[in-house]
N, C-alpha and C. Protein backbone atom coordinates (compact mmCIF):
# COMPACT_ATOMS: atom_id res chain seq x y z
N MET A 1 0.81 -1.17 -0.01
CA MET A 1 -0.02 0.01 -0.01
C MET A 1 0.87 1.23 -0.01
N SER A 2 0.56 2.18 -0.87
CA SER A 2 1.34 3.41 -0.89
C SER A 2 0.56 4.55 -0.24
N GLU A 3 1.30 5.46 0.35
CA GLU A 3 0.67 6.60 1.00
C GLU A 3 0.44 7.69 -0.03
N VAL A 4 -0.71 8.26 0.05
CA VAL A 4 -1.01 9.37 -0.85
C VAL A 4 -0.71 10.67 -0.10
N SER A 5 0.15 11.49 -0.71
CA SER A 5 0.51 12.74 -0.03
C SER A 5 -0.53 13.84 -0.35
N ARG A 6 -0.89 14.53 0.70
CA ARG A 6 -1.83 15.63 0.52
C ARG A 6 -1.09 16.95 0.48
N PRO A 7 -1.59 17.85 -0.30
CA PRO A 7 -0.88 19.15 -0.32
C PRO A 7 -1.05 19.86 1.05
N GLN A 8 0.01 20.51 1.46
CA GLN A 8 -0.02 21.29 2.70
C GLN A 8 -0.68 22.62 2.44
N ILE A 9 -1.61 22.95 3.28
CA ILE A 9 -2.27 24.25 3.16
C ILE A 9 -1.77 25.14 4.26
N SER A 10 -1.28 26.29 3.90
CA SER A 10 -0.77 27.20 4.91
C SER A 10 -1.83 28.29 5.09
N ARG A 11 -2.30 28.38 6.34
CA ARG A 11 -3.31 29.42 6.61
C ARG A 11 -2.64 30.52 7.43
N THR A 12 -2.96 31.73 7.10
CA THR A 12 -2.45 32.84 7.82
C THR A 12 -3.57 33.86 7.96
N ASP A 13 -3.61 34.56 9.05
CA ASP A 13 -4.62 35.54 9.26
C ASP A 13 -4.05 36.97 9.20
N THR A 14 -2.76 37.05 8.90
CA THR A 14 -2.12 38.38 8.81
C THR A 14 -1.27 38.38 7.54
N VAL A 15 -1.41 39.47 6.81
CA VAL A 15 -0.57 39.72 5.63
C VAL A 15 0.18 41.02 5.92
N ARG A 16 1.49 41.02 5.69
CA ARG A 16 2.29 42.19 5.98
C ARG A 16 3.17 42.57 4.79
N CYS A 17 3.12 43.84 4.48
CA CYS A 17 3.96 44.36 3.37
C CYS A 17 4.95 45.35 4.00
N VAL A 18 6.24 45.18 3.69
CA VAL A 18 7.32 46.00 4.21
C VAL A 18 7.87 46.86 3.07
N LYS A 19 8.05 48.15 3.35
CA LYS A 19 8.53 49.10 2.34
C LYS A 19 9.96 48.77 1.94
N SER A 20 10.22 48.86 0.61
CA SER A 20 11.52 48.68 0.04
C SER A 20 11.69 49.75 -1.07
N CYS A 21 12.44 50.80 -0.79
CA CYS A 21 12.54 51.93 -1.75
C CYS A 21 13.75 51.77 -2.68
N LEU A 22 13.55 52.17 -3.88
CA LEU A 22 14.66 52.32 -4.83
C LEU A 22 15.56 53.49 -4.39
N PRO A 23 16.84 53.43 -4.64
CA PRO A 23 17.75 54.46 -4.09
C PRO A 23 17.42 55.93 -4.46
N HIS A 24 16.81 56.18 -5.62
CA HIS A 24 16.57 57.53 -6.01
C HIS A 24 15.10 57.96 -5.90
N ASN A 25 14.32 57.12 -5.24
CA ASN A 25 12.88 57.44 -5.05
C ASN A 25 12.72 58.20 -3.74
N ILE A 26 12.90 59.54 -3.81
CA ILE A 26 12.90 60.39 -2.63
C ILE A 26 11.56 60.38 -1.91
N SER A 27 10.42 60.37 -2.64
CA SER A 27 9.13 60.37 -1.96
C SER A 27 8.91 59.10 -1.16
N CYS A 28 9.43 57.99 -1.68
CA CYS A 28 9.31 56.70 -0.97
C CYS A 28 10.20 56.79 0.29
N ILE A 29 11.40 57.25 0.15
CA ILE A 29 12.34 57.33 1.29
C ILE A 29 11.81 58.24 2.36
N LEU A 30 11.18 59.36 2.00
CA LEU A 30 10.71 60.33 3.00
C LEU A 30 9.35 59.93 3.63
N ASP A 31 8.62 58.99 3.02
CA ASP A 31 7.39 58.55 3.58
C ASP A 31 7.65 57.73 4.87
N PRO A 32 7.09 58.18 6.01
CA PRO A 32 7.40 57.50 7.29
C PRO A 32 6.82 56.09 7.45
N VAL A 33 5.87 55.70 6.56
CA VAL A 33 5.27 54.37 6.72
C VAL A 33 6.28 53.31 6.27
N HIS A 34 6.59 52.40 7.21
CA HIS A 34 7.55 51.32 6.93
C HIS A 34 6.89 50.00 6.63
N SER A 35 5.68 49.76 7.19
CA SER A 35 4.94 48.54 6.88
C SER A 35 3.48 48.75 6.98
N ILE A 36 2.76 47.91 6.23
CA ILE A 36 1.28 47.88 6.26
C ILE A 36 0.88 46.44 6.43
N SER A 37 0.03 46.18 7.46
CA SER A 37 -0.45 44.83 7.72
C SER A 37 -1.94 44.77 7.62
N HIS A 38 -2.47 43.61 7.25
CA HIS A 38 -3.92 43.36 7.27
C HIS A 38 -4.15 42.09 8.09
N THR A 39 -5.16 42.17 8.93
CA THR A 39 -5.55 40.99 9.73
C THR A 39 -7.07 41.03 9.87
N VAL A 40 -7.65 39.88 10.20
CA VAL A 40 -9.10 39.75 10.28
C VAL A 40 -9.48 39.24 11.66
N ILE A 41 -10.54 39.77 12.23
CA ILE A 41 -11.08 39.32 13.49
C ILE A 41 -12.60 39.27 13.42
N SER A 42 -13.16 38.22 14.00
CA SER A 42 -14.65 38.07 14.03
C SER A 42 -15.09 38.21 15.47
N LEU A 43 -16.14 39.03 15.67
CA LEU A 43 -16.67 39.29 17.02
C LEU A 43 -18.13 38.93 17.08
N PRO A 44 -18.63 38.49 18.22
CA PRO A 44 -20.06 38.32 18.34
C PRO A 44 -20.75 39.66 18.65
N THR A 45 -22.07 39.71 18.50
CA THR A 45 -22.85 40.82 18.98
C THR A 45 -22.92 40.72 20.50
N PHE A 46 -22.47 41.75 21.18
CA PHE A 46 -22.57 41.76 22.62
C PHE A 46 -23.94 42.27 23.04
N ARG A 47 -24.62 41.55 23.92
CA ARG A 47 -26.00 41.90 24.31
C ARG A 47 -25.99 42.89 25.49
N GLU A 48 -25.02 42.79 26.35
CA GLU A 48 -25.05 43.69 27.50
C GLU A 48 -24.36 45.00 27.17
N GLU A 49 -24.69 46.05 27.90
CA GLU A 49 -24.22 47.36 27.63
C GLU A 49 -22.74 47.52 27.99
N ARG A 50 -22.34 46.89 29.10
CA ARG A 50 -20.94 47.01 29.53
C ARG A 50 -20.07 46.01 28.78
N VAL A 51 -19.23 46.55 27.93
CA VAL A 51 -18.32 45.70 27.16
C VAL A 51 -16.91 46.25 27.34
N LEU A 52 -15.96 45.39 27.63
CA LEU A 52 -14.55 45.76 27.64
C LEU A 52 -13.76 44.53 27.25
N GLU A 53 -13.69 44.33 25.96
CA GLU A 53 -13.02 43.15 25.39
C GLU A 53 -11.71 43.58 24.73
N GLU A 54 -10.60 42.97 25.11
CA GLU A 54 -9.32 43.25 24.44
C GLU A 54 -9.29 42.37 23.23
N ILE A 55 -9.20 42.99 22.07
CA ILE A 55 -9.38 42.21 20.81
C ILE A 55 -8.10 42.12 19.95
N VAL A 56 -7.20 43.11 20.04
CA VAL A 56 -6.01 43.11 19.19
C VAL A 56 -4.84 43.60 20.07
N PHE A 57 -3.68 42.94 19.85
CA PHE A 57 -2.47 43.34 20.55
C PHE A 57 -1.39 43.71 19.53
N LEU A 58 -0.95 44.96 19.58
CA LEU A 58 0.09 45.45 18.69
C LEU A 58 1.40 45.48 19.48
N ARG A 59 2.31 44.59 19.20
CA ARG A 59 3.56 44.55 19.91
C ARG A 59 4.65 45.37 19.16
N ALA A 60 5.32 46.17 19.91
CA ALA A 60 6.32 47.05 19.34
C ALA A 60 7.61 46.86 20.04
N VAL A 61 8.73 47.01 19.33
CA VAL A 61 10.02 46.90 19.92
C VAL A 61 10.31 48.19 20.69
N PRO A 62 10.64 48.09 21.97
CA PRO A 62 10.92 49.32 22.75
C PRO A 62 12.22 49.99 22.24
N PRO A 63 12.26 51.30 22.43
CA PRO A 63 13.51 52.00 22.04
C PRO A 63 14.66 51.55 22.89
N SER A 64 15.87 51.67 22.36
CA SER A 64 17.04 51.32 23.14
C SER A 64 17.15 52.17 24.38
N PRO A 65 17.72 51.63 25.47
CA PRO A 65 17.79 52.41 26.73
C PRO A 65 18.47 53.76 26.55
N ALA A 66 19.43 53.86 25.61
CA ALA A 66 20.11 55.17 25.44
C ALA A 66 19.18 56.22 24.80
N LEU A 67 18.10 55.80 24.12
CA LEU A 67 17.23 56.74 23.45
C LEU A 67 15.87 56.91 24.20
N THR A 68 15.72 56.23 25.32
CA THR A 68 14.42 56.20 26.02
C THR A 68 13.88 57.62 26.31
N GLN A 69 14.79 58.55 26.64
CA GLN A 69 14.34 59.93 26.95
C GLN A 69 13.76 60.63 25.75
N GLU A 70 14.24 60.33 24.54
CA GLU A 70 13.89 61.06 23.33
C GLU A 70 12.86 60.29 22.47
N THR A 71 12.66 58.98 22.72
CA THR A 71 11.86 58.15 21.87
C THR A 71 10.59 57.67 22.59
N ASP A 72 9.51 57.58 21.86
CA ASP A 72 8.26 57.06 22.36
C ASP A 72 7.51 56.38 21.24
N ILE A 73 6.57 55.49 21.60
CA ILE A 73 5.70 54.86 20.63
C ILE A 73 4.29 55.29 20.93
N ILE A 74 3.61 55.86 19.96
CA ILE A 74 2.25 56.35 20.15
C ILE A 74 1.32 55.51 19.25
N PHE A 75 0.29 54.92 19.85
CA PHE A 75 -0.70 54.12 19.13
C PHE A 75 -1.93 54.94 18.89
N GLU A 76 -2.53 54.87 17.68
CA GLU A 76 -3.75 55.63 17.43
C GLU A 76 -4.65 54.90 16.42
N ILE A 77 -5.94 55.21 16.56
CA ILE A 77 -6.95 54.71 15.62
C ILE A 77 -7.13 55.79 14.57
N LEU A 78 -6.83 55.52 13.34
CA LEU A 78 -6.91 56.53 12.27
C LEU A 78 -8.30 56.54 11.64
N ASP A 79 -8.93 55.39 11.55
CA ASP A 79 -10.18 55.29 10.79
C ASP A 79 -10.89 54.03 11.13
N GLY A 80 -12.23 53.99 10.87
CA GLY A 80 -13.03 52.78 11.02
C GLY A 80 -13.62 52.51 12.35
N ASN A 81 -13.51 53.47 13.26
CA ASN A 81 -14.02 53.30 14.64
C ASN A 81 -15.54 53.57 14.66
N ILE A 82 -16.32 52.59 14.18
CA ILE A 82 -17.76 52.74 14.09
C ILE A 82 -18.37 52.94 15.47
N GLN A 83 -19.21 53.95 15.57
CA GLN A 83 -19.96 54.25 16.80
C GLN A 83 -19.03 54.43 18.00
N GLY A 84 -17.75 54.79 17.76
CA GLY A 84 -16.80 54.97 18.87
C GLY A 84 -16.67 53.75 19.74
N ALA A 85 -16.82 52.55 19.14
CA ALA A 85 -16.88 51.32 19.86
C ALA A 85 -15.52 50.78 20.29
N PHE A 86 -14.41 51.37 19.80
CA PHE A 86 -13.09 50.86 20.07
C PHE A 86 -12.22 51.96 20.67
N ASP A 87 -11.24 51.59 21.50
CA ASP A 87 -10.19 52.51 21.89
C ASP A 87 -8.88 51.72 21.87
N ILE A 88 -7.82 52.43 22.12
CA ILE A 88 -6.49 51.79 22.16
C ILE A 88 -5.71 52.36 23.34
N ILE A 89 -5.13 51.46 24.11
CA ILE A 89 -4.28 51.91 25.25
C ILE A 89 -2.89 51.33 25.08
N LYS A 90 -1.93 51.90 25.75
CA LYS A 90 -0.55 51.43 25.69
C LYS A 90 -0.19 50.87 27.06
N ARG A 91 0.52 49.72 27.03
CA ARG A 91 1.03 49.14 28.27
C ARG A 91 2.30 48.37 27.93
N THR A 92 2.98 47.93 28.99
CA THR A 92 4.21 47.16 28.84
C THR A 92 3.94 45.75 29.32
N GLU A 93 4.30 44.75 28.51
CA GLU A 93 4.18 43.33 28.88
C GLU A 93 5.49 42.62 28.56
N HIS A 94 6.11 42.01 29.55
CA HIS A 94 7.32 41.25 29.38
C HIS A 94 8.39 42.05 28.63
N GLY A 95 8.54 43.34 28.99
CA GLY A 95 9.55 44.17 28.41
C GLY A 95 9.21 44.70 27.04
N MET A 96 8.02 44.43 26.52
CA MET A 96 7.63 44.93 25.21
C MET A 96 6.51 45.97 25.40
N ILE A 97 6.51 46.97 24.51
CA ILE A 97 5.44 47.95 24.50
C ILE A 97 4.34 47.39 23.64
N VAL A 98 3.09 47.42 24.18
CA VAL A 98 1.96 46.81 23.50
C VAL A 98 0.84 47.82 23.41
N GLY A 99 0.27 47.95 22.20
CA GLY A 99 -0.94 48.74 22.01
C GLY A 99 -2.11 47.77 22.04
N VAL A 100 -3.04 47.97 22.96
CA VAL A 100 -4.14 47.06 23.15
C VAL A 100 -5.41 47.71 22.62
N VAL A 101 -6.00 47.14 21.58
CA VAL A 101 -7.26 47.66 20.99
C VAL A 101 -8.38 46.95 21.80
N ARG A 102 -9.32 47.74 22.32
CA ARG A 102 -10.39 47.21 23.13
C ARG A 102 -11.71 47.60 22.51
N GLN A 103 -12.66 46.71 22.59
CA GLN A 103 -14.04 47.03 22.26
C GLN A 103 -14.70 47.54 23.53
N VAL A 104 -15.10 48.81 23.54
CA VAL A 104 -15.62 49.46 24.76
C VAL A 104 -17.11 49.71 24.72
N LYS A 105 -17.76 49.54 23.53
CA LYS A 105 -19.18 49.69 23.40
C LYS A 105 -19.71 48.52 22.55
N PRO A 106 -20.95 48.10 22.83
CA PRO A 106 -21.48 47.02 22.03
C PRO A 106 -21.81 47.44 20.61
N ILE A 107 -21.66 46.52 19.69
CA ILE A 107 -22.03 46.71 18.29
C ILE A 107 -23.00 45.64 17.90
N THR A 108 -24.15 46.03 17.39
CA THR A 108 -25.11 45.03 16.92
C THR A 108 -24.83 44.70 15.46
N GLY A 109 -24.61 43.39 15.24
CA GLY A 109 -24.30 42.96 13.86
C GLY A 109 -25.55 42.50 13.15
N PRO A 110 -25.44 42.16 11.91
CA PRO A 110 -24.13 42.03 11.25
C PRO A 110 -23.64 43.40 10.80
N LYS A 111 -22.31 43.59 11.01
CA LYS A 111 -21.60 44.79 10.60
C LYS A 111 -20.14 44.43 10.35
N SER A 112 -19.51 45.28 9.57
CA SER A 112 -18.08 45.13 9.39
C SER A 112 -17.46 46.48 9.21
N THR A 113 -16.16 46.54 9.55
CA THR A 113 -15.40 47.77 9.43
C THR A 113 -13.95 47.40 9.33
N VAL A 114 -13.16 48.35 8.86
CA VAL A 114 -11.69 48.18 8.84
C VAL A 114 -11.15 49.22 9.80
N LEU A 115 -10.64 48.71 10.93
CA LEU A 115 -9.97 49.62 11.86
C LEU A 115 -8.57 49.90 11.31
N ARG A 116 -8.28 51.15 11.02
CA ARG A 116 -6.94 51.48 10.56
C ARG A 116 -6.18 52.05 11.71
N LEU A 117 -5.15 51.31 12.12
CA LEU A 117 -4.37 51.64 13.30
C LEU A 117 -2.98 52.04 12.94
N ALA A 118 -2.33 52.91 13.76
CA ALA A 118 -0.98 53.35 13.52
C ALA A 118 -0.18 53.16 14.73
N MET A 119 1.06 52.65 14.55
CA MET A 119 2.11 52.64 15.57
C MET A 119 3.12 53.68 15.13
N ASN A 120 3.12 54.79 15.81
CA ASN A 120 4.02 55.90 15.50
C ASN A 120 5.25 55.88 16.36
N TYR A 121 6.43 55.77 15.77
CA TYR A 121 7.68 55.79 16.49
C TYR A 121 8.11 57.26 16.50
N MET A 122 8.10 57.87 17.66
CA MET A 122 8.39 59.29 17.83
C MET A 122 9.80 59.49 18.33
N VAL A 123 10.55 60.41 17.71
CA VAL A 123 11.88 60.77 18.19
C VAL A 123 11.85 62.28 18.41
N SER A 124 12.01 62.74 19.61
CA SER A 124 11.99 64.16 19.97
C SER A 124 10.68 64.80 19.49
N GLY A 125 9.58 64.13 19.59
CA GLY A 125 8.27 64.68 19.26
C GLY A 125 7.89 64.60 17.80
N VAL A 126 8.72 64.00 16.94
CA VAL A 126 8.47 63.91 15.50
C VAL A 126 8.35 62.43 15.11
N VAL A 127 7.44 62.10 14.20
CA VAL A 127 7.31 60.73 13.76
C VAL A 127 8.52 60.33 12.91
N SER A 128 9.33 59.40 13.41
CA SER A 128 10.46 58.95 12.65
C SER A 128 10.05 57.89 11.63
N HIS A 129 9.16 56.98 12.09
CA HIS A 129 8.55 56.04 11.15
C HIS A 129 7.26 55.51 11.77
N ARG A 130 6.49 54.85 10.90
CA ARG A 130 5.10 54.42 11.31
C ARG A 130 4.78 53.10 10.66
N ASN A 131 4.10 52.27 11.41
CA ASN A 131 3.57 51.03 10.87
C ASN A 131 2.01 51.12 10.93
N ILE A 132 1.39 50.72 9.85
CA ILE A 132 -0.07 50.76 9.72
C ILE A 132 -0.59 49.31 9.85
N VAL A 133 -1.61 49.13 10.67
CA VAL A 133 -2.26 47.83 10.78
C VAL A 133 -3.73 48.00 10.45
N ASN A 134 -4.20 47.31 9.44
CA ASN A 134 -5.61 47.34 9.06
C ASN A 134 -6.27 46.06 9.64
N VAL A 135 -7.17 46.30 10.58
CA VAL A 135 -7.85 45.15 11.24
C VAL A 135 -9.27 45.11 10.63
N HIS A 136 -9.56 44.08 9.87
CA HIS A 136 -10.85 43.86 9.29
C HIS A 136 -11.72 43.19 10.36
N VAL A 137 -12.66 43.95 10.87
CA VAL A 137 -13.51 43.50 12.00
C VAL A 137 -14.88 43.11 11.42
N ILE A 138 -15.29 41.87 11.72
CA ILE A 138 -16.59 41.38 11.26
C ILE A 138 -17.41 41.05 12.52
N VAL A 139 -18.54 41.73 12.68
CA VAL A 139 -19.39 41.52 13.84
C VAL A 139 -20.58 40.65 13.43
N SER A 140 -20.74 39.54 14.08
CA SER A 140 -21.80 38.60 13.77
C SER A 140 -23.13 39.16 14.26
N GLU A 141 -24.22 38.72 13.70
CA GLU A 141 -25.55 39.09 14.20
C GLU A 141 -25.86 38.29 15.47
N PHE A 142 -25.10 37.28 15.79
CA PHE A 142 -25.39 36.41 16.92
C PHE A 142 -24.50 36.73 18.10
N TRP A 143 -24.96 36.49 19.32
CA TRP A 143 -24.24 36.76 20.51
C TRP A 143 -23.39 35.58 20.98
N PHE A 144 -23.54 34.44 20.33
CA PHE A 144 -22.80 33.24 20.72
C PHE A 144 -21.74 32.88 19.67
């Protein structure tokens, strides 16, 4: 008896594009966006009014100790925050800086949105570079 090999299927829920500029493309070089990611999350319809669900974790590399005074990472929601249902907070976990996206208000589905998030690396108050994360949020009509 011979074994039949099945093709391996690779599933991923995140797609990430990293900027790579040609040497003479000044507009590309000057654009602070270094990467753009897309990910998908499915949420139930929450029935109760009080909602505080942590749904996305954006992990960032902390600045080197020598630059800590001048460098910071700022997380922000740029677009797609339907009904003001989401916020983002910053905290430190295991030595990493993490932006935590939380659902703070209920959303009745079916609904979908694309939360456009930014991780801004600030040096002396100016954005040195930025990573964009597009979170495709799908809210089910069901609570279970």
